[in-house]
């Protein structure tokens, strides 16, 4: 997809050449670490980047800022398994610096990544964080994710099915029930049914894991 050369009040924004360099760096890292990044590899980064820019163009956020934030939003998984965005800050800022992103713009990118984090995001995050959040949330809500990608998440992060189910329900249910699972009206209209079904599935998984027969079954096949 295309990149953007945005000029903002108070100085130049993130230029197209810098965006292209960030993309090359992240793609190379994803390629080199492909065996480890079964869930958060380039397939995830590329999907989130494309959707985030789409949502940014709809909600008036800076598309260049959002594109770069999407490219580096999950580099923490390159640093440590089962980690948080803050764990990737050093690598994130290093990639941005090598790519020619000015320190003040890199700080904005880092802030958007932190603000969009599912675990801590709230109703009133910035438009840029909303665009990134909606793209990342959509990846989680895709009907294929629990079938095809959830096992890859378990392997990548070294956690159990019980831990993942409690994480999903614990982090996402309140956003869904309080009406800001998606911020963009188009995303909410198109994908809320998927999100509801996905969360209901994971809630059922949480409940099923407390059934001794299910526990015995999983023990037998693991």
N, C-alpha and C. Protein backbone atom coordinates (compact mmCIF):
# COMPACT_ATOMS: atom_id res chain seq x y z
N UNK A 1 0.82 -1.18 0.00
CA UNK A 1 0.00 0.00 0.00
C UNK A 1 0.86 1.23 0.00
N UNK A 2 0.31 2.39 -0.34
CA UNK A 2 1.07 3.61 -0.42
C UNK A 2 1.40 4.17 0.94
N UNK A 3 2.44 5.01 0.98
CA UNK A 3 2.80 5.71 2.18
C UNK A 3 2.44 7.17 2.01
N UNK A 4 2.63 7.97 3.07
CA UNK A 4 2.16 9.33 3.09
C UNK A 4 3.28 10.25 3.52
N UNK A 5 3.37 11.42 2.88
CA UNK A 5 4.32 12.44 3.26
C UNK A 5 3.54 13.60 3.80
N UNK A 6 3.36 13.62 5.11
CA UNK A 6 2.44 14.55 5.75
C UNK A 6 3.19 15.74 6.28
N UNK A 7 2.66 16.94 6.05
CA UNK A 7 3.20 18.15 6.64
C UNK A 7 2.19 18.67 7.63
N UNK A 8 2.65 18.90 8.86
CA UNK A 8 1.77 19.34 9.92
C UNK A 8 2.17 20.74 10.36
N UNK A 9 1.26 21.43 11.04
CA UNK A 9 1.60 22.71 11.63
C UNK A 9 2.74 22.52 12.61
N UNK A 10 3.74 23.40 12.50
CA UNK A 10 4.86 23.31 13.42
C UNK A 10 6.01 22.49 12.87
N UNK A 11 5.94 22.00 11.63
CA UNK A 11 7.07 21.28 11.06
C UNK A 11 6.62 20.09 10.27
N UNK A 12 7.61 19.45 9.61
CA UNK A 12 7.32 18.30 8.78
C UNK A 12 6.94 17.11 9.63
N UNK A 13 6.03 16.30 9.11
CA UNK A 13 5.67 15.06 9.77
C UNK A 13 6.63 13.96 9.37
N UNK A 14 6.20 12.72 9.49
CA UNK A 14 7.04 11.57 9.14
C UNK A 14 6.97 11.39 7.63
N UNK A 15 8.11 11.44 6.98
CA UNK A 15 8.15 11.37 5.53
C UNK A 15 8.07 9.96 4.98
N UNK A 16 7.76 9.88 3.69
CA UNK A 16 7.60 8.59 3.03
C UNK A 16 8.88 7.77 3.07
N UNK A 17 10.04 8.42 2.92
CA UNK A 17 11.30 7.67 2.93
C UNK A 17 11.52 7.00 4.29
N UNK A 18 11.19 7.71 5.36
CA UNK A 18 11.34 7.12 6.69
C UNK A 18 10.39 5.95 6.89
N UNK A 19 9.16 6.10 6.41
CA UNK A 19 8.19 5.01 6.53
C UNK A 19 8.69 3.77 5.80
N UNK A 20 9.24 3.97 4.62
CA UNK A 20 9.75 2.83 3.85
C UNK A 20 10.90 2.15 4.57
N UNK A 21 11.76 2.95 5.23
CA UNK A 21 12.88 2.35 5.97
C UNK A 21 12.38 1.59 7.20
N UNK A 22 11.38 2.14 7.90
CA UNK A 22 10.79 1.42 9.03
C UNK A 22 10.22 0.09 8.55
N UNK A 23 9.49 0.12 7.44
CA UNK A 23 8.91 -1.12 6.91
C UNK A 23 9.99 -2.14 6.60
N UNK A 24 11.08 -1.71 5.96
CA UNK A 24 12.15 -2.65 5.62
C UNK A 24 12.76 -3.27 6.87
N UNK A 25 12.98 -2.44 7.90
CA UNK A 25 13.56 -2.95 9.15
C UNK A 25 12.64 -3.97 9.82
N UNK A 26 11.36 -3.63 9.90
CA UNK A 26 10.43 -4.53 10.58
C UNK A 26 10.24 -5.82 9.79
N UNK A 27 10.14 -5.70 8.48
CA UNK A 27 10.02 -6.91 7.64
C UNK A 27 11.23 -7.82 7.84
N UNK A 28 12.43 -7.23 7.88
CA UNK A 28 13.64 -8.03 8.06
C UNK A 28 13.64 -8.71 9.41
N UNK A 29 13.23 -8.00 10.46
CA UNK A 29 13.15 -8.61 11.78
C UNK A 29 12.14 -9.75 11.80
N UNK A 30 10.99 -9.51 11.18
CA UNK A 30 9.97 -10.57 11.12
C UNK A 30 10.47 -11.79 10.36
N UNK A 31 11.21 -11.55 9.30
CA UNK A 31 11.77 -12.66 8.52
C UNK A 31 12.80 -13.43 9.34
N UNK A 32 13.69 -12.70 10.00
CA UNK A 32 14.75 -13.35 10.76
C UNK A 32 14.21 -14.11 11.98
N UNK A 33 13.09 -13.62 12.53
CA UNK A 33 12.53 -14.21 13.74
C UNK A 33 11.24 -14.98 13.43
N UNK A 34 11.05 -15.37 12.18
CA UNK A 34 9.79 -15.98 11.75
C UNK A 34 9.43 -17.21 12.58
N UNK A 35 10.42 -18.00 12.94
CA UNK A 35 10.14 -19.23 13.70
C UNK A 35 9.56 -18.90 15.07
N UNK A 36 9.91 -17.75 15.63
CA UNK A 36 9.40 -17.35 16.95
C UNK A 36 8.09 -16.58 16.84
N UNK A 37 7.92 -15.83 15.76
CA UNK A 37 6.76 -14.93 15.64
C UNK A 37 5.65 -15.59 14.84
N UNK A 38 5.13 -16.68 15.36
CA UNK A 38 4.10 -17.42 14.63
C UNK A 38 2.78 -16.65 14.56
N UNK A 39 2.50 -15.85 15.59
CA UNK A 39 1.27 -15.04 15.60
C UNK A 39 1.56 -13.60 15.22
N UNK A 40 2.61 -13.01 15.78
CA UNK A 40 2.89 -11.59 15.59
C UNK A 40 3.92 -11.33 14.50
N UNK A 41 3.95 -12.19 13.49
CA UNK A 41 4.88 -12.01 12.38
C UNK A 41 4.38 -10.97 11.37
N UNK A 42 5.03 -10.97 10.19
CA UNK A 42 4.71 -9.95 9.20
C UNK A 42 3.26 -10.03 8.74
N UNK A 43 2.67 -11.22 8.72
CA UNK A 43 1.27 -11.35 8.33
C UNK A 43 0.38 -10.51 9.24
N UNK A 44 0.70 -10.48 10.54
CA UNK A 44 -0.06 -9.66 11.49
C UNK A 44 0.25 -8.18 11.30
N UNK A 45 1.52 -7.85 11.23
CA UNK A 45 1.93 -6.44 11.10
C UNK A 45 1.34 -5.83 9.84
N UNK A 46 1.40 -6.54 8.73
CA UNK A 46 0.91 -6.02 7.47
C UNK A 46 -0.60 -5.79 7.50
N UNK A 47 -1.33 -6.74 8.07
CA UNK A 47 -2.78 -6.61 8.19
C UNK A 47 -3.13 -5.38 9.03
N UNK A 48 -2.50 -5.25 10.19
CA UNK A 48 -2.79 -4.14 11.09
C UNK A 48 -2.41 -2.82 10.45
N UNK A 49 -1.27 -2.77 9.77
CA UNK A 49 -0.85 -1.53 9.09
C UNK A 49 -1.88 -1.08 8.07
N UNK A 50 -2.32 -1.99 7.21
CA UNK A 50 -3.27 -1.62 6.16
C UNK A 50 -4.58 -1.12 6.74
N UNK A 51 -5.11 -1.84 7.72
CA UNK A 51 -6.39 -1.44 8.32
C UNK A 51 -6.25 -0.16 9.13
N UNK A 52 -5.14 0.00 9.84
CA UNK A 52 -4.95 1.19 10.66
C UNK A 52 -4.91 2.46 9.80
N UNK A 53 -4.22 2.40 8.68
CA UNK A 53 -4.18 3.56 7.78
C UNK A 53 -5.58 3.86 7.24
N UNK A 54 -6.33 2.82 6.91
CA UNK A 54 -7.71 3.01 6.45
C UNK A 54 -8.53 3.74 7.51
N UNK A 55 -8.45 3.31 8.76
CA UNK A 55 -9.22 3.94 9.83
C UNK A 55 -8.71 5.36 10.11
N UNK A 56 -7.41 5.57 9.99
CA UNK A 56 -6.86 6.92 10.21
C UNK A 56 -7.37 7.89 9.16
N UNK A 57 -7.46 7.44 7.93
CA UNK A 57 -7.97 8.32 6.88
C UNK A 57 -9.43 8.64 7.09
N UNK A 58 -10.14 7.78 7.77
CA UNK A 58 -11.55 8.03 8.06
C UNK A 58 -11.74 8.97 9.26
N UNK A 59 -10.89 8.83 10.28
CA UNK A 59 -11.16 9.60 11.50
C UNK A 59 -10.33 10.87 11.64
N UNK A 60 -9.51 11.19 10.62
CA UNK A 60 -8.78 12.44 10.63
C UNK A 60 -7.44 12.39 11.33
N UNK A 61 -7.00 11.21 11.77
CA UNK A 61 -5.68 11.08 12.37
C UNK A 61 -4.60 11.19 11.29
N UNK A 62 -3.37 11.42 11.69
CA UNK A 62 -2.23 11.52 10.79
C UNK A 62 -1.91 10.12 10.25
N UNK A 63 -2.17 9.85 8.98
CA UNK A 63 -1.94 8.49 8.46
C UNK A 63 -0.50 8.04 8.56
N UNK A 64 0.45 8.96 8.39
CA UNK A 64 1.86 8.57 8.48
C UNK A 64 2.21 8.13 9.89
N UNK A 65 1.77 8.89 10.87
CA UNK A 65 2.00 8.53 12.26
C UNK A 65 1.40 7.17 12.58
N UNK A 66 0.17 6.95 12.13
CA UNK A 66 -0.52 5.69 12.41
C UNK A 66 0.15 4.53 11.69
N UNK A 67 0.60 4.75 10.46
CA UNK A 67 1.25 3.69 9.71
C UNK A 67 2.52 3.23 10.41
N UNK A 68 3.33 4.18 10.85
CA UNK A 68 4.57 3.82 11.52
C UNK A 68 4.27 3.15 12.86
N UNK A 69 3.29 3.67 13.60
CA UNK A 69 2.92 3.03 14.86
C UNK A 69 2.48 1.59 14.65
N UNK A 70 1.72 1.35 13.58
CA UNK A 70 1.28 -0.01 13.29
C UNK A 70 2.46 -0.91 12.96
N UNK A 71 3.44 -0.38 12.22
CA UNK A 71 4.59 -1.19 11.85
C UNK A 71 5.40 -1.63 13.06
N UNK A 72 5.45 -0.80 14.10
CA UNK A 72 6.31 -1.13 15.24
C UNK A 72 5.52 -1.50 16.50
N UNK A 73 4.20 -1.67 16.37
CA UNK A 73 3.40 -1.80 17.59
C UNK A 73 3.66 -3.09 18.36
N UNK A 74 4.15 -4.12 17.71
CA UNK A 74 4.34 -5.41 18.40
C UNK A 74 5.80 -5.86 18.44
N UNK A 75 6.74 -4.92 18.32
CA UNK A 75 8.15 -5.35 18.36
C UNK A 75 8.54 -5.90 19.72
N UNK A 76 7.71 -5.66 20.75
CA UNK A 76 8.02 -6.24 22.06
C UNK A 76 8.08 -7.76 22.01
N UNK A 77 7.31 -8.38 21.10
CA UNK A 77 7.34 -9.85 20.99
C UNK A 77 8.65 -10.34 20.37
N UNK A 78 9.39 -9.43 19.75
CA UNK A 78 10.72 -9.77 19.25
C UNK A 78 11.76 -9.76 20.37
N UNK A 79 11.41 -9.06 21.46
CA UNK A 79 12.32 -8.92 22.59
C UNK A 79 12.07 -9.99 23.64
N UNK A 80 10.78 -10.22 23.93
CA UNK A 80 10.44 -11.17 25.00
C UNK A 80 9.07 -11.76 24.76
N UNK A 81 8.92 -13.04 25.05
CA UNK A 81 7.63 -13.72 24.90
C UNK A 81 6.62 -13.15 25.89
N UNK A 82 5.35 -13.19 25.49
CA UNK A 82 4.25 -12.85 26.39
C UNK A 82 4.51 -11.52 27.10
N UNK A 83 4.82 -10.49 26.31
CA UNK A 83 5.28 -9.23 26.86
C UNK A 83 4.30 -8.10 26.56
N UNK A 84 4.64 -6.91 27.02
CA UNK A 84 3.82 -5.71 26.84
C UNK A 84 4.54 -4.71 25.94
N UNK A 85 3.81 -3.74 25.38
CA UNK A 85 4.46 -2.75 24.50
C UNK A 85 5.68 -2.08 25.11
N UNK A 86 5.63 -1.80 26.41
CA UNK A 86 6.76 -1.13 27.06
C UNK A 86 8.04 -1.95 26.95
N UNK A 87 7.91 -3.27 26.88
CA UNK A 87 9.09 -4.12 26.77
C UNK A 87 9.79 -3.97 25.42
N UNK A 88 9.10 -3.41 24.45
CA UNK A 88 9.70 -3.21 23.13
C UNK A 88 10.13 -1.79 22.87
N UNK A 89 10.04 -0.91 23.88
CA UNK A 89 10.32 0.52 23.64
C UNK A 89 11.73 0.76 23.12
N UNK A 90 12.72 0.12 23.73
CA UNK A 90 14.10 0.36 23.30
C UNK A 90 14.29 -0.05 21.85
N UNK A 91 13.81 -1.23 21.48
CA UNK A 91 13.92 -1.68 20.09
C UNK A 91 13.11 -0.78 19.17
N UNK A 92 11.90 -0.41 19.58
CA UNK A 92 11.03 0.43 18.77
C UNK A 92 11.71 1.77 18.45
N UNK A 93 12.24 2.41 19.47
CA UNK A 93 12.88 3.71 19.26
C UNK A 93 14.17 3.57 18.46
N UNK A 94 14.85 2.45 18.62
CA UNK A 94 16.06 2.21 17.83
C UNK A 94 15.74 2.06 16.35
N UNK A 95 14.69 1.29 16.04
CA UNK A 95 14.26 1.13 14.65
C UNK A 95 13.87 2.49 14.05
N UNK A 96 13.14 3.27 14.81
CA UNK A 96 12.70 4.58 14.32
C UNK A 96 13.88 5.51 14.10
N UNK A 97 14.84 5.50 15.00
CA UNK A 97 16.01 6.37 14.86
C UNK A 97 16.83 5.99 13.63
N UNK A 98 17.05 4.69 13.43
CA UNK A 98 17.81 4.25 12.27
C UNK A 98 17.09 4.56 10.97
N UNK A 99 15.77 4.70 11.04
CA UNK A 99 14.96 4.96 9.85
C UNK A 99 14.80 6.45 9.57
N UNK A 100 15.41 7.29 10.37
CA UNK A 100 15.37 8.72 10.13
C UNK A 100 14.16 9.43 10.70
N UNK A 101 13.42 8.78 11.60
CA UNK A 101 12.28 9.43 12.24
C UNK A 101 12.81 10.33 13.35
N UNK A 102 12.39 11.59 13.34
CA UNK A 102 12.87 12.54 14.33
C UNK A 102 12.46 12.11 15.74
N UNK A 103 13.28 12.44 16.73
CA UNK A 103 12.96 12.01 18.11
C UNK A 103 11.58 12.43 18.57
N UNK A 104 11.15 13.64 18.23
CA UNK A 104 9.83 14.08 18.67
C UNK A 104 8.71 13.27 18.01
N UNK A 105 8.92 12.86 16.75
CA UNK A 105 7.93 12.02 16.08
C UNK A 105 7.98 10.59 16.61
N UNK A 106 9.19 10.11 16.91
CA UNK A 106 9.32 8.78 17.50
C UNK A 106 8.61 8.71 18.85
N UNK A 107 8.70 9.79 19.63
CA UNK A 107 8.00 9.82 20.91
C UNK A 107 6.50 9.75 20.71
N UNK A 108 5.99 10.43 19.67
CA UNK A 108 4.55 10.37 19.37
C UNK A 108 4.16 8.96 18.96
N UNK A 109 4.96 8.31 18.15
CA UNK A 109 4.68 6.93 17.73
C UNK A 109 4.61 6.03 18.96
N UNK A 110 5.60 6.15 19.83
CA UNK A 110 5.64 5.31 21.03
C UNK A 110 4.41 5.54 21.90
N UNK A 111 3.99 6.80 22.02
CA UNK A 111 2.81 7.11 22.83
C UNK A 111 1.55 6.50 22.24
N UNK A 112 1.41 6.52 20.91
CA UNK A 112 0.25 5.93 20.26
C UNK A 112 0.21 4.42 20.49
N UNK A 113 1.36 3.77 20.37
CA UNK A 113 1.44 2.32 20.61
C UNK A 113 0.98 1.99 22.02
N UNK A 114 1.47 2.73 23.00
CA UNK A 114 1.09 2.49 24.39
C UNK A 114 -0.40 2.77 24.61
N UNK A 115 -0.90 3.84 24.01
CA UNK A 115 -2.29 4.26 24.21
C UNK A 115 -3.26 3.24 23.63
N UNK A 116 -2.87 2.59 22.54
CA UNK A 116 -3.76 1.66 21.85
C UNK A 116 -3.77 0.26 22.45
N UNK A 117 -2.92 0.00 23.43
CA UNK A 117 -2.81 -1.33 24.03
C UNK A 117 -4.16 -1.80 24.58
N UNK A 118 -4.60 -2.98 24.18
CA UNK A 118 -5.90 -3.51 24.56
C UNK A 118 -6.09 -3.53 26.07
N UNK A 119 -5.09 -3.94 26.79
CA UNK A 119 -5.20 -4.14 28.24
C UNK A 119 -5.59 -2.85 28.96
N UNK A 120 -5.11 -1.71 28.48
CA UNK A 120 -5.27 -0.45 29.22
C UNK A 120 -6.03 0.63 28.46
N UNK A 121 -6.41 0.39 27.22
CA UNK A 121 -7.07 1.46 26.45
C UNK A 121 -8.44 1.78 27.05
N UNK A 122 -8.92 3.00 26.76
CA UNK A 122 -10.18 3.46 27.32
C UNK A 122 -10.98 4.17 26.24
N UNK A 123 -12.13 4.68 26.61
CA UNK A 123 -13.05 5.25 25.63
C UNK A 123 -12.48 6.49 24.93
N UNK A 124 -11.63 7.26 25.61
CA UNK A 124 -11.24 8.58 25.12
C UNK A 124 -9.80 8.66 24.63
N UNK A 125 -9.27 7.58 24.06
CA UNK A 125 -7.93 7.64 23.50
C UNK A 125 -7.93 8.50 22.23
N UNK A 126 -6.75 8.91 21.80
CA UNK A 126 -6.61 9.81 20.65
C UNK A 126 -7.07 9.15 19.36
N UNK A 127 -7.42 9.95 18.33
CA UNK A 127 -7.80 9.37 17.04
C UNK A 127 -6.74 8.44 16.46
N UNK A 128 -5.46 8.80 16.61
CA UNK A 128 -4.40 7.93 16.08
C UNK A 128 -4.40 6.59 16.79
N UNK A 129 -4.54 6.61 18.11
CA UNK A 129 -4.59 5.36 18.87
C UNK A 129 -5.86 4.57 18.55
N UNK A 130 -6.96 5.27 18.31
CA UNK A 130 -8.19 4.59 17.93
C UNK A 130 -8.01 3.83 16.62
N UNK A 131 -7.36 4.45 15.64
CA UNK A 131 -7.15 3.79 14.34
C UNK A 131 -6.30 2.54 14.50
N UNK A 132 -5.21 2.65 15.28
CA UNK A 132 -4.35 1.49 15.51
C UNK A 132 -5.09 0.42 16.30
N UNK A 133 -5.82 0.84 17.33
CA UNK A 133 -6.56 -0.11 18.15
C UNK A 133 -7.59 -0.87 17.34
N UNK A 134 -8.36 -0.16 16.51
CA UNK A 134 -9.39 -0.83 15.72
C UNK A 134 -8.79 -1.87 14.78
N UNK A 135 -7.64 -1.55 14.19
CA UNK A 135 -7.01 -2.50 13.28
C UNK A 135 -6.52 -3.74 14.02
N UNK A 136 -5.88 -3.53 15.16
CA UNK A 136 -5.38 -4.66 15.95
C UNK A 136 -6.51 -5.47 16.54
N UNK A 137 -7.56 -4.78 16.99
CA UNK A 137 -8.73 -5.47 17.54
C UNK A 137 -9.43 -6.31 16.48
N UNK A 138 -9.50 -5.78 15.27
CA UNK A 138 -10.13 -6.54 14.19
C UNK A 138 -9.39 -7.84 13.94
N UNK A 139 -8.06 -7.80 13.96
CA UNK A 139 -7.29 -9.04 13.78
C UNK A 139 -7.67 -10.06 14.85
N UNK A 140 -7.86 -9.59 16.08
CA UNK A 140 -8.25 -10.50 17.17
C UNK A 140 -9.66 -11.06 16.96
N UNK A 141 -10.54 -10.23 16.36
CA UNK A 141 -11.95 -10.62 16.23
C UNK A 141 -12.26 -11.41 14.96
N UNK A 142 -11.31 -11.55 14.06
CA UNK A 142 -11.56 -12.31 12.84
C UNK A 142 -12.04 -13.72 13.18
N UNK A 143 -13.05 -14.22 12.50
CA UNK A 143 -13.53 -15.58 12.81
C UNK A 143 -12.47 -16.66 12.65
N UNK A 144 -11.47 -16.41 11.81
CA UNK A 144 -10.43 -17.42 11.61
C UNK A 144 -9.38 -17.42 12.72
N UNK A 145 -9.32 -16.34 13.49
CA UNK A 145 -8.24 -16.23 14.48
C UNK A 145 -8.27 -17.33 15.53
N UNK A 146 -9.40 -17.61 16.18
CA UNK A 146 -9.36 -18.68 17.19
C UNK A 146 -9.12 -20.07 16.60
N UNK A 147 -9.46 -20.24 15.32
CA UNK A 147 -9.31 -21.56 14.70
C UNK A 147 -7.88 -21.77 14.19
N UNK A 148 -7.35 -20.78 13.48
CA UNK A 148 -6.07 -20.94 12.81
C UNK A 148 -4.91 -20.35 13.61
N UNK A 149 -5.14 -19.21 14.24
CA UNK A 149 -4.03 -18.44 14.80
C UNK A 149 -3.87 -18.57 16.31
N UNK A 150 -4.93 -18.90 17.04
CA UNK A 150 -4.79 -19.03 18.49
C UNK A 150 -3.75 -20.08 18.88
N UNK A 151 -3.70 -21.25 18.22
CA UNK A 151 -2.64 -22.21 18.58
C UNK A 151 -1.24 -21.64 18.36
N UNK A 152 -1.10 -20.77 17.35
CA UNK A 152 0.20 -20.15 17.10
C UNK A 152 0.54 -19.15 18.21
N UNK A 153 -0.49 -18.46 18.73
CA UNK A 153 -0.26 -17.55 19.85
C UNK A 153 0.21 -18.31 21.08
N UNK A 154 -0.42 -19.45 21.35
CA UNK A 154 -0.02 -20.27 22.50
C UNK A 154 1.43 -20.70 22.37
N UNK A 155 1.80 -21.15 21.20
CA UNK A 155 3.17 -21.62 20.98
C UNK A 155 4.16 -20.47 21.07
N UNK A 156 3.83 -19.35 20.44
CA UNK A 156 4.74 -18.21 20.43
C UNK A 156 5.02 -17.68 21.83
N UNK A 157 3.97 -17.64 22.66
CA UNK A 157 4.10 -16.98 23.96
C UNK A 157 4.28 -17.93 25.13
N UNK A 158 4.21 -19.23 24.87
CA UNK A 158 4.47 -20.20 25.92
C UNK A 158 3.46 -20.16 27.05
N UNK A 159 2.18 -19.97 26.70
CA UNK A 159 1.13 -19.94 27.71
C UNK A 159 0.13 -21.05 27.45
N UNK A 160 -0.74 -21.28 28.42
CA UNK A 160 -1.73 -22.34 28.30
C UNK A 160 -3.02 -21.79 27.69
N UNK A 161 -3.88 -22.71 27.25
CA UNK A 161 -5.18 -22.32 26.74
C UNK A 161 -5.98 -21.58 27.82
N UNK A 162 -5.90 -22.05 29.05
CA UNK A 162 -6.60 -21.39 30.15
C UNK A 162 -6.12 -19.95 30.32
N UNK A 163 -4.81 -19.76 30.27
CA UNK A 163 -4.26 -18.41 30.42
C UNK A 163 -4.71 -17.50 29.29
N UNK A 164 -4.71 -18.02 28.07
CA UNK A 164 -5.14 -17.20 26.94
C UNK A 164 -6.61 -16.86 27.03
N UNK A 165 -7.44 -17.83 27.37
CA UNK A 165 -8.88 -17.57 27.47
C UNK A 165 -9.19 -16.52 28.53
N UNK A 166 -8.56 -16.62 29.67
CA UNK A 166 -8.78 -15.62 30.72
C UNK A 166 -8.24 -14.26 30.31
N UNK A 167 -7.14 -14.24 29.59
CA UNK A 167 -6.58 -12.97 29.11
C UNK A 167 -7.55 -12.28 28.16
N UNK A 168 -8.08 -13.03 27.19
CA UNK A 168 -8.98 -12.45 26.20
C UNK A 168 -10.25 -11.92 26.85
N UNK A 169 -10.88 -12.75 27.66
CA UNK A 169 -12.12 -12.33 28.31
C UNK A 169 -11.85 -11.17 29.27
N UNK A 170 -10.78 -11.28 30.04
CA UNK A 170 -10.48 -10.26 31.03
C UNK A 170 -10.15 -8.91 30.44
N UNK A 171 -9.46 -8.90 29.30
CA UNK A 171 -9.04 -7.64 28.69
C UNK A 171 -10.07 -7.05 27.74
N UNK A 172 -10.91 -7.89 27.14
CA UNK A 172 -11.75 -7.41 26.05
C UNK A 172 -13.23 -7.28 26.40
N UNK A 173 -13.71 -8.03 27.36
CA UNK A 173 -15.16 -8.06 27.63
C UNK A 173 -15.69 -6.69 28.03
N UNK A 174 -14.98 -5.96 28.88
CA UNK A 174 -15.51 -4.66 29.32
C UNK A 174 -15.57 -3.66 28.19
N UNK A 175 -14.59 -3.68 27.29
CA UNK A 175 -14.63 -2.77 26.14
C UNK A 175 -15.84 -3.08 25.26
N UNK A 176 -16.10 -4.36 25.07
CA UNK A 176 -17.24 -4.78 24.26
C UNK A 176 -18.55 -4.37 24.92
N UNK A 177 -18.69 -4.67 26.20
CA UNK A 177 -19.96 -4.42 26.89
C UNK A 177 -20.23 -2.93 27.08
N UNK A 178 -19.18 -2.13 27.16
CA UNK A 178 -19.34 -0.68 27.36
C UNK A 178 -19.39 0.09 26.05
N UNK A 179 -19.30 -0.61 24.90
CA UNK A 179 -19.58 0.00 23.61
C UNK A 179 -18.41 0.67 22.91
N UNK A 180 -17.17 0.33 23.29
CA UNK A 180 -16.04 0.89 22.53
C UNK A 180 -15.03 -0.20 22.17
N UNK A 181 -15.56 -1.37 21.86
CA UNK A 181 -14.68 -2.42 21.36
C UNK A 181 -14.04 -1.96 20.06
N UNK A 182 -14.87 -1.37 19.18
CA UNK A 182 -14.39 -0.62 18.02
C UNK A 182 -14.76 0.84 18.20
N UNK A 183 -13.86 1.73 17.81
CA UNK A 183 -14.13 3.16 17.88
C UNK A 183 -14.77 3.68 16.60
N UNK A 184 -14.35 3.14 15.47
CA UNK A 184 -14.83 3.60 14.17
C UNK A 184 -16.23 3.05 13.90
N UNK A 185 -17.20 3.90 13.54
CA UNK A 185 -18.57 3.41 13.30
C UNK A 185 -18.63 2.35 12.20
N UNK A 186 -17.83 2.52 11.16
CA UNK A 186 -17.82 1.53 10.08
C UNK A 186 -17.33 0.18 10.61
N UNK A 187 -16.26 0.20 11.38
CA UNK A 187 -15.74 -1.05 11.95
C UNK A 187 -16.77 -1.70 12.87
N UNK A 188 -17.42 -0.87 13.69
CA UNK A 188 -18.43 -1.41 14.60
C UNK A 188 -19.58 -2.05 13.84
N UNK A 189 -20.02 -1.38 12.76
CA UNK A 189 -21.13 -1.90 11.98
C UNK A 189 -20.77 -3.21 11.26
N UNK A 190 -19.55 -3.28 10.76
CA UNK A 190 -19.15 -4.44 9.96
C UNK A 190 -18.71 -5.63 10.80
N UNK A 191 -18.07 -5.37 11.94
CA UNK A 191 -17.34 -6.43 12.62
C UNK A 191 -17.83 -6.75 14.03
N UNK A 192 -18.80 -6.01 14.55
CA UNK A 192 -19.22 -6.27 15.93
C UNK A 192 -19.80 -7.66 16.11
N UNK A 193 -20.49 -8.18 15.10
CA UNK A 193 -21.04 -9.53 15.21
C UNK A 193 -19.91 -10.55 15.35
N UNK A 194 -18.84 -10.37 14.62
CA UNK A 194 -17.68 -11.25 14.76
C UNK A 194 -17.10 -11.14 16.16
N UNK A 195 -16.96 -9.91 16.64
CA UNK A 195 -16.38 -9.70 17.96
C UNK A 195 -17.22 -10.35 19.05
N UNK A 196 -18.54 -10.20 18.94
CA UNK A 196 -19.44 -10.79 19.94
C UNK A 196 -19.32 -12.31 19.94
N UNK A 197 -19.32 -12.91 18.75
CA UNK A 197 -19.19 -14.37 18.66
C UNK A 197 -17.84 -14.83 19.19
N UNK A 198 -16.79 -14.08 18.89
CA UNK A 198 -15.46 -14.45 19.35
C UNK A 198 -15.37 -14.43 20.87
N UNK A 199 -15.89 -13.35 21.48
CA UNK A 199 -15.84 -13.25 22.93
C UNK A 199 -16.71 -14.31 23.60
N UNK A 200 -17.85 -14.61 22.99
CA UNK A 200 -18.71 -15.66 23.54
C UNK A 200 -18.00 -17.01 23.49
N UNK A 201 -17.31 -17.28 22.39
CA UNK A 201 -16.53 -18.51 22.28
C UNK A 201 -15.50 -18.61 23.40
N UNK A 202 -14.74 -17.53 23.63
CA UNK A 202 -13.70 -17.57 24.64
C UNK A 202 -14.29 -17.65 26.05
N UNK A 203 -15.45 -17.04 26.25
CA UNK A 203 -16.13 -17.18 27.55
C UNK A 203 -16.54 -18.63 27.78
N UNK A 204 -17.03 -19.27 26.72
CA UNK A 204 -17.38 -20.69 26.82
C UNK A 204 -16.15 -21.55 27.09
N UNK A 205 -15.03 -21.20 26.50
CA UNK A 205 -13.79 -21.95 26.76
C UNK A 205 -13.41 -21.82 28.23
N UNK A 206 -13.48 -20.58 28.77
CA UNK A 206 -13.19 -20.38 30.20
C UNK A 206 -14.05 -21.29 31.05
N UNK A 207 -15.35 -21.32 30.76
CA UNK A 207 -16.28 -22.13 31.55
C UNK A 207 -16.00 -23.62 31.37
N UNK A 208 -15.70 -24.02 30.15
CA UNK A 208 -15.51 -25.45 29.89
C UNK A 208 -14.28 -26.00 30.58
N UNK A 209 -13.27 -25.16 30.76
CA UNK A 209 -12.03 -25.64 31.36
C UNK A 209 -12.18 -25.96 32.84
N UNK A 210 -13.29 -25.52 33.43
CA UNK A 210 -13.58 -25.88 34.82
C UNK A 210 -14.35 -27.19 34.94
N UNK A 211 -14.71 -27.78 33.81
CA UNK A 211 -15.41 -29.07 33.80
C UNK A 211 -14.36 -30.18 33.89
N UNK A 212 -14.43 -31.03 34.90
CA UNK A 212 -13.42 -32.09 35.05
C UNK A 212 -13.30 -32.99 33.83
N UNK A 213 -14.42 -33.22 33.15
CA UNK A 213 -14.37 -34.09 31.97
C UNK A 213 -13.57 -33.44 30.85
N UNK A 214 -13.75 -32.13 30.69
CA UNK A 214 -12.99 -31.40 29.68
C UNK A 214 -11.51 -31.39 30.03
N UNK A 215 -11.22 -31.14 31.30
CA UNK A 215 -9.82 -31.17 31.76
C UNK A 215 -9.17 -32.52 31.49
N UNK A 216 -9.92 -33.59 31.72
CA UNK A 216 -9.41 -34.94 31.47
C UNK A 216 -9.18 -35.17 29.99
N UNK A 217 -10.12 -34.68 29.17
CA UNK A 217 -9.98 -34.80 27.72
C UNK A 217 -8.74 -34.09 27.22
N UNK A 218 -8.53 -32.86 27.66
CA UNK A 218 -7.37 -32.09 27.22
C UNK A 218 -6.09 -32.73 27.69
N UNK A 219 -6.10 -33.26 28.88
CA UNK A 219 -4.91 -33.95 29.38
C UNK A 219 -4.58 -35.16 28.53
N UNK A 220 -5.61 -35.86 28.07
CA UNK A 220 -5.39 -37.07 27.27
C UNK A 220 -4.82 -36.77 25.89
N UNK A 221 -5.20 -35.61 25.31
CA UNK A 221 -4.76 -35.30 23.95
C UNK A 221 -3.51 -34.42 23.90
N UNK A 222 -3.11 -33.87 25.05
CA UNK A 222 -1.95 -32.96 25.04
C UNK A 222 -0.64 -33.76 25.09
